[in-house]
N, C-alpha and C. Protein backbone atom coordinates (compact mmCIF):
# COMPACT_ATOMS: atom_id res chain seq x y z
N UNK A 1 87.80 97.76 107.67
CA UNK A 1 87.52 97.42 109.05
C UNK A 1 88.81 96.93 109.69
N UNK A 2 89.00 97.29 110.95
CA UNK A 2 90.15 96.80 111.71
C UNK A 2 89.64 96.10 112.95
N UNK A 3 90.34 95.02 113.30
CA UNK A 3 90.01 94.31 114.53
C UNK A 3 91.25 94.21 115.40
N UNK A 4 91.02 93.99 116.68
CA UNK A 4 92.11 93.76 117.63
C UNK A 4 91.81 92.47 118.36
N UNK A 5 92.78 91.59 118.40
CA UNK A 5 92.61 90.32 119.09
C UNK A 5 92.73 90.54 120.59
N UNK A 6 91.81 89.97 121.34
CA UNK A 6 91.76 90.14 122.79
C UNK A 6 92.56 89.06 123.52
N UNK A 7 92.93 88.02 122.80
CA UNK A 7 93.77 86.95 123.36
C UNK A 7 94.46 86.24 122.20
N UNK A 8 95.45 85.43 122.53
CA UNK A 8 96.12 84.63 121.50
C UNK A 8 95.12 83.62 120.95
N UNK A 9 95.00 83.55 119.63
CA UNK A 9 94.09 82.58 119.02
C UNK A 9 94.55 82.29 117.60
N UNK A 10 93.91 81.31 116.99
CA UNK A 10 94.25 80.94 115.62
C UNK A 10 93.01 80.98 114.75
N UNK A 11 93.23 81.32 113.47
CA UNK A 11 92.13 81.40 112.51
C UNK A 11 92.69 81.18 111.12
N UNK A 12 91.87 80.64 110.21
CA UNK A 12 92.32 80.46 108.83
C UNK A 12 92.53 81.81 108.13
N UNK A 13 93.61 81.91 107.38
CA UNK A 13 93.90 83.13 106.63
C UNK A 13 94.37 82.76 105.23
N UNK A 14 93.80 83.43 104.24
CA UNK A 14 94.22 83.26 102.85
C UNK A 14 95.61 83.86 102.71
N UNK A 15 96.41 83.33 101.82
CA UNK A 15 97.75 83.86 101.59
C UNK A 15 98.09 83.75 100.12
N UNK A 16 99.18 84.33 99.71
CA UNK A 16 99.59 84.25 98.30
C UNK A 16 101.04 83.83 98.21
N UNK A 17 101.34 83.15 97.10
CA UNK A 17 102.69 82.65 96.86
C UNK A 17 103.07 82.97 95.43
N UNK A 18 104.31 83.36 95.24
CA UNK A 18 104.81 83.68 93.90
C UNK A 18 105.64 82.50 93.40
N UNK A 19 105.17 81.88 92.32
CA UNK A 19 105.88 80.73 91.74
C UNK A 19 106.93 81.17 90.74
N UNK A 20 106.64 82.26 90.03
CA UNK A 20 107.63 82.80 89.11
C UNK A 20 107.40 84.31 89.00
N UNK A 21 108.43 85.04 88.63
CA UNK A 21 108.32 86.50 88.59
C UNK A 21 107.44 86.99 87.44
N UNK A 22 107.26 86.17 86.40
CA UNK A 22 106.44 86.61 85.26
C UNK A 22 104.94 86.56 85.56
N UNK A 23 104.52 85.63 86.41
CA UNK A 23 103.09 85.46 86.70
C UNK A 23 102.63 86.26 87.91
N UNK A 24 103.55 86.57 88.80
CA UNK A 24 103.19 87.28 90.02
C UNK A 24 102.60 86.34 91.06
N UNK A 25 102.16 86.89 92.18
CA UNK A 25 101.64 86.05 93.25
C UNK A 25 100.30 85.41 92.91
N UNK A 26 100.09 84.20 93.42
CA UNK A 26 98.83 83.49 93.21
C UNK A 26 98.17 83.21 94.54
N UNK A 27 96.87 83.35 94.58
CA UNK A 27 96.07 83.13 95.79
C UNK A 27 96.13 81.65 96.18
N UNK A 28 96.31 81.37 97.48
CA UNK A 28 96.40 80.01 98.00
C UNK A 28 95.23 79.75 98.96
N UNK A 29 94.97 78.50 99.22
CA UNK A 29 93.93 78.11 100.17
C UNK A 29 94.31 78.59 101.57
N UNK A 30 93.31 78.85 102.41
CA UNK A 30 93.60 79.34 103.76
C UNK A 30 94.42 78.36 104.58
N UNK A 31 95.31 78.91 105.38
CA UNK A 31 96.09 78.15 106.35
C UNK A 31 95.79 78.71 107.73
N UNK A 32 95.81 77.87 108.73
CA UNK A 32 95.58 78.34 110.09
C UNK A 32 96.80 79.13 110.55
N UNK A 33 96.56 80.36 110.99
CA UNK A 33 97.62 81.26 111.44
C UNK A 33 97.38 81.65 112.89
N UNK A 34 98.44 81.93 113.61
CA UNK A 34 98.33 82.43 114.98
C UNK A 34 98.25 83.94 114.96
N UNK A 35 97.38 84.46 115.79
CA UNK A 35 97.26 85.90 116.00
C UNK A 35 97.41 86.12 117.50
N UNK A 36 98.10 87.17 117.87
CA UNK A 36 98.47 87.37 119.26
C UNK A 36 97.67 88.50 119.91
N UNK A 37 97.56 88.42 121.22
CA UNK A 37 96.82 89.42 121.97
C UNK A 37 97.29 90.83 121.60
N UNK A 38 96.34 91.72 121.37
CA UNK A 38 96.56 93.13 121.01
C UNK A 38 97.04 93.33 119.57
N UNK A 39 97.18 92.27 118.80
CA UNK A 39 97.54 92.40 117.39
C UNK A 39 96.35 92.97 116.64
N UNK A 40 96.60 93.95 115.77
CA UNK A 40 95.54 94.56 114.98
C UNK A 40 95.68 94.14 113.53
N UNK A 41 94.57 93.79 112.92
CA UNK A 41 94.55 93.34 111.53
C UNK A 41 93.30 93.86 110.83
N UNK A 42 93.37 93.91 109.52
CA UNK A 42 92.19 94.16 108.70
C UNK A 42 91.83 92.82 108.07
N UNK A 43 90.74 92.17 108.50
CA UNK A 43 90.42 90.83 108.02
C UNK A 43 89.90 90.78 106.59
N UNK A 44 89.73 91.93 105.95
CA UNK A 44 89.17 91.97 104.60
C UNK A 44 90.17 92.35 103.53
N UNK A 45 91.46 92.40 103.85
CA UNK A 45 92.48 92.75 102.86
C UNK A 45 92.55 91.63 101.82
N UNK A 46 92.45 92.00 100.55
CA UNK A 46 92.47 91.01 99.47
C UNK A 46 93.73 90.15 99.53
N UNK A 47 93.57 88.86 99.40
CA UNK A 47 94.63 87.84 99.47
C UNK A 47 95.24 87.71 100.86
N UNK A 48 94.63 88.27 101.87
CA UNK A 48 95.04 88.08 103.26
C UNK A 48 93.82 88.04 104.17
N UNK A 49 92.67 87.64 103.62
CA UNK A 49 91.44 87.61 104.39
C UNK A 49 91.55 86.64 105.56
N UNK A 50 90.98 87.03 106.68
CA UNK A 50 90.95 86.19 107.88
C UNK A 50 89.52 85.71 108.09
N UNK A 51 89.35 84.42 108.27
CA UNK A 51 88.03 83.83 108.52
C UNK A 51 87.75 83.91 110.02
N UNK A 52 86.87 84.81 110.41
CA UNK A 52 86.56 85.02 111.82
C UNK A 52 85.40 84.16 112.32
N UNK A 53 84.86 83.30 111.46
CA UNK A 53 83.66 82.54 111.82
C UNK A 53 83.87 81.60 113.01
N UNK A 54 85.07 81.16 113.26
CA UNK A 54 85.33 80.27 114.38
C UNK A 54 85.68 81.01 115.67
N UNK A 55 85.72 82.34 115.61
CA UNK A 55 86.06 83.15 116.78
C UNK A 55 84.81 83.85 117.30
N UNK A 56 84.85 84.25 118.56
CA UNK A 56 83.71 84.92 119.17
C UNK A 56 84.01 86.40 119.35
N UNK A 57 83.05 87.22 118.88
CA UNK A 57 83.15 88.67 119.01
C UNK A 57 83.11 89.06 120.49
N UNK A 58 83.95 89.97 120.88
CA UNK A 58 84.11 90.48 122.25
C UNK A 58 84.72 89.45 123.21
N UNK A 59 85.04 88.25 122.71
CA UNK A 59 85.75 87.26 123.52
C UNK A 59 87.14 87.07 122.93
N UNK A 60 87.19 86.80 121.60
CA UNK A 60 88.46 86.60 120.91
C UNK A 60 88.96 87.86 120.21
N UNK A 61 88.03 88.69 119.74
CA UNK A 61 88.42 89.91 119.02
C UNK A 61 87.35 90.98 119.21
N UNK A 62 87.74 92.22 118.92
CA UNK A 62 86.79 93.33 118.90
C UNK A 62 87.07 94.19 117.68
N UNK A 63 86.06 94.87 117.22
CA UNK A 63 86.20 95.77 116.07
C UNK A 63 86.65 97.12 116.59
N UNK A 64 87.76 97.63 116.06
CA UNK A 64 88.29 98.91 116.51
C UNK A 64 88.03 100.03 115.51
N UNK A 65 87.79 99.65 114.26
CA UNK A 65 87.57 100.68 113.22
C UNK A 65 86.66 100.12 112.15
N UNK A 66 85.58 100.85 111.89
CA UNK A 66 84.65 100.44 110.83
C UNK A 66 85.06 101.09 109.52
N UNK A 67 84.65 100.48 108.40
CA UNK A 67 85.05 101.06 107.10
C UNK A 67 84.54 102.46 106.89
């Protein structure tokens, strides 16, 4: 699924950090990230999930592509 932000807003997003090259990246707790008007994202990408629960559909974002 792809979404497009209709205005500048912020939402929690999971991220990953690499502590050492032998272990690879590790999943981290969500941090609030800024997303900008007309920015397109896939909110379901593993280790980069965006929590859209605090945003309003058709006000803050719209779905541009279904799976």
